[in-house]
């Protein structure tokens, strides 16, 4: 299972980074870790320096992220 890490940026966003390849995995988020209604992030991932990256803008609420295998 690939691991995720987050990197804050100077533009008030966060980059969610995962190892390559992530074929078949979906990045999902939820505002409550105890809930079961995870949502696909819908953001496009790009490969930069051999890593998958997704830029996440602040949403005004806490968000937790996970990778999900179908």
C-alpha atoms as a PDB file:
ATOM      1  CA  UNK A   1       0.000   0.000   0.000  1.00  0.00           C
ATOM      2  CA  UNK A   2       1.478   3.364  -0.993  1.00  0.00           C
ATOM      3  CA  UNK A   3       1.862   5.970   1.715  1.00  0.00           C
ATOM      4  CA  UNK A   4       0.728   9.584   1.494  1.00  0.00           C
ATOM      5  CA  UNK A   5       2.493  12.635   2.828  1.00  0.00           C
ATOM      6  CA  UNK A   6       1.542  16.292   2.744  1.00  0.00           C
ATOM      7  CA  UNK A   7       3.719  19.267   1.907  1.00  0.00           C
ATOM      8  CA  UNK A   8       2.546  22.822   2.702  1.00  0.00           C
ATOM      9  CA  UNK A   9       3.198  25.471   0.054  1.00  0.00           C
ATOM     10  CA  UNK A  10       3.774  29.213   0.159  1.00  0.00           C
ATOM     11  CA  UNK A  11       0.464  29.783  -1.670  1.00  0.00           C
ATOM     12  CA  UNK A  12      -1.804  28.526   1.154  1.00  0.00           C
ATOM     13  CA  UNK A  13      -2.327  25.097  -0.417  1.00  0.00           C
ATOM     14  CA  UNK A  14      -1.103  21.613   0.429  1.00  0.00           C
ATOM     15  CA  UNK A  15       0.401  19.086  -1.947  1.00  0.00           C
ATOM     16  CA  UNK A  16      -0.662  15.492  -1.243  1.00  0.00           C
ATOM     17  CA  UNK A  17       2.171  13.254  -2.434  1.00  0.00           C
ATOM     18  CA  UNK A  18       2.189   9.516  -3.070  1.00  0.00           C
ATOM     19  CA  UNK A  19       4.635   7.124  -4.653  1.00  0.00           C
ATOM     20  CA  UNK A  20       4.419   6.012  -8.286  1.00  0.00           C
ATOM     21  CA  UNK A  21       2.646   3.942  -9.518  1.00  0.00           C
ATOM     22  CA  UNK A  22      -0.784   4.502  -7.998  1.00  0.00           C
ATOM     23  CA  UNK A  23      -2.750   2.795 -10.747  1.00  0.00           C
ATOM     24  CA  UNK A  24      -6.234   1.919  -9.548  1.00  0.00           C
ATOM     25  CA  UNK A  25      -6.017   3.859  -6.284  1.00  0.00           C
ATOM     26  CA  UNK A  26      -8.404   6.753  -5.656  1.00  0.00           C
ATOM     27  CA  UNK A  27      -7.657   9.732  -3.412  1.00  0.00           C
ATOM     28  CA  UNK A  28     -10.636  10.294  -1.127  1.00  0.00           C
ATOM     29  CA  UNK A  29     -11.446  12.731   1.657  1.00  0.00           C
ATOM     30  CA  UNK A  30     -13.773  12.995   4.619  1.00  0.00           C
ATOM     31  CA  UNK A  31     -14.357  15.627   7.300  1.00  0.00           C
ATOM     32  CA  UNK A  32     -14.928  13.007  10.024  1.00  0.00           C
ATOM     33  CA  UNK A  33     -12.703   9.979  10.535  1.00  0.00           C
ATOM     34  CA  UNK A  34     -15.507   8.041  12.232  1.00  0.00           C
ATOM     35  CA  UNK A  35     -17.904   8.471   9.284  1.00  0.00           C
ATOM     36  CA  UNK A  36     -18.134   6.056   6.356  1.00  0.00           C
ATOM     37  CA  UNK A  37     -19.087   8.505   3.601  1.00  0.00           C
ATOM     38  CA  UNK A  38     -15.685   9.066   1.965  1.00  0.00           C
ATOM     39  CA  UNK A  39     -15.764  11.143  -1.232  1.00  0.00           C
ATOM     40  CA  UNK A  40     -13.458  10.954  -4.263  1.00  0.00           C
ATOM     41  CA  UNK A  41     -11.335  14.096  -4.330  1.00  0.00           C
ATOM     42  CA  UNK A  42     -11.953  14.674  -8.041  1.00  0.00           C
ATOM     43  CA  UNK A  43      -8.627  16.473  -8.358  1.00  0.00           C
ATOM     44  CA  UNK A  44      -6.219  15.612 -11.134  1.00  0.00           C
ATOM     45  CA  UNK A  45      -2.957  14.066 -10.057  1.00  0.00           C
ATOM     46  CA  UNK A  46       0.269  14.775 -11.856  1.00  0.00           C
ATOM     47  CA  UNK A  47       3.624  13.030 -11.740  1.00  0.00           C
ATOM     48  CA  UNK A  48       6.460  15.296 -10.608  1.00  0.00           C
ATOM     49  CA  UNK A  49       9.928  13.992  -9.859  1.00  0.00           C
ATOM     50  CA  UNK A  50       8.726  10.386  -9.801  1.00  0.00           C
ATOM     51  CA  UNK A  51       5.861  11.072  -7.359  1.00  0.00           C
ATOM     52  CA  UNK A  52       2.102  11.516  -7.792  1.00  0.00           C
ATOM     53  CA  UNK A  53       0.981  14.937  -6.588  1.00  0.00           C
ATOM     54  CA  UNK A  54      -2.416  16.536  -6.002  1.00  0.00           C
ATOM     55  CA  UNK A  55      -2.727  20.191  -4.980  1.00  0.00           C
ATOM     56  CA  UNK A  56      -5.412  20.726  -2.347  1.00  0.00           C
ATOM     57  CA  UNK A  57      -6.793  24.205  -1.614  1.00  0.00           C
ATOM     58  CA  UNK A  58      -8.172  25.093   1.833  1.00  0.00           C
ATOM     59  CA  UNK A  59     -11.801  24.076   2.201  1.00  0.00           C
ATOM     60  CA  UNK A  60     -12.664  25.958   5.400  1.00  0.00           C
ATOM     61  CA  UNK A  61     -13.003  22.680   7.318  1.00  0.00           C
ATOM     62  CA  UNK A  62     -10.806  19.824   8.441  1.00  0.00           C
ATOM     63  CA  UNK A  63     -10.281  17.151   5.810  1.00  0.00           C
ATOM     64  CA  UNK A  64      -8.752  13.730   6.138  1.00  0.00           C
ATOM     65  CA  UNK A  65      -7.369  11.923   3.094  1.00  0.00           C
ATOM     66  CA  UNK A  66      -6.881   8.283   2.209  1.00  0.00           C
ATOM     67  CA  UNK A  67      -6.056   6.094  -0.756  1.00  0.00           C
ATOM     68  CA  UNK A  68      -8.724   3.568  -1.674  1.00  0.00           C
ATOM     69  CA  UNK A  69      -8.257   0.478  -3.786  1.00  0.00           C
ATOM     70  CA  UNK A  70     -11.443  -0.426  -5.705  1.00  0.00           C
END
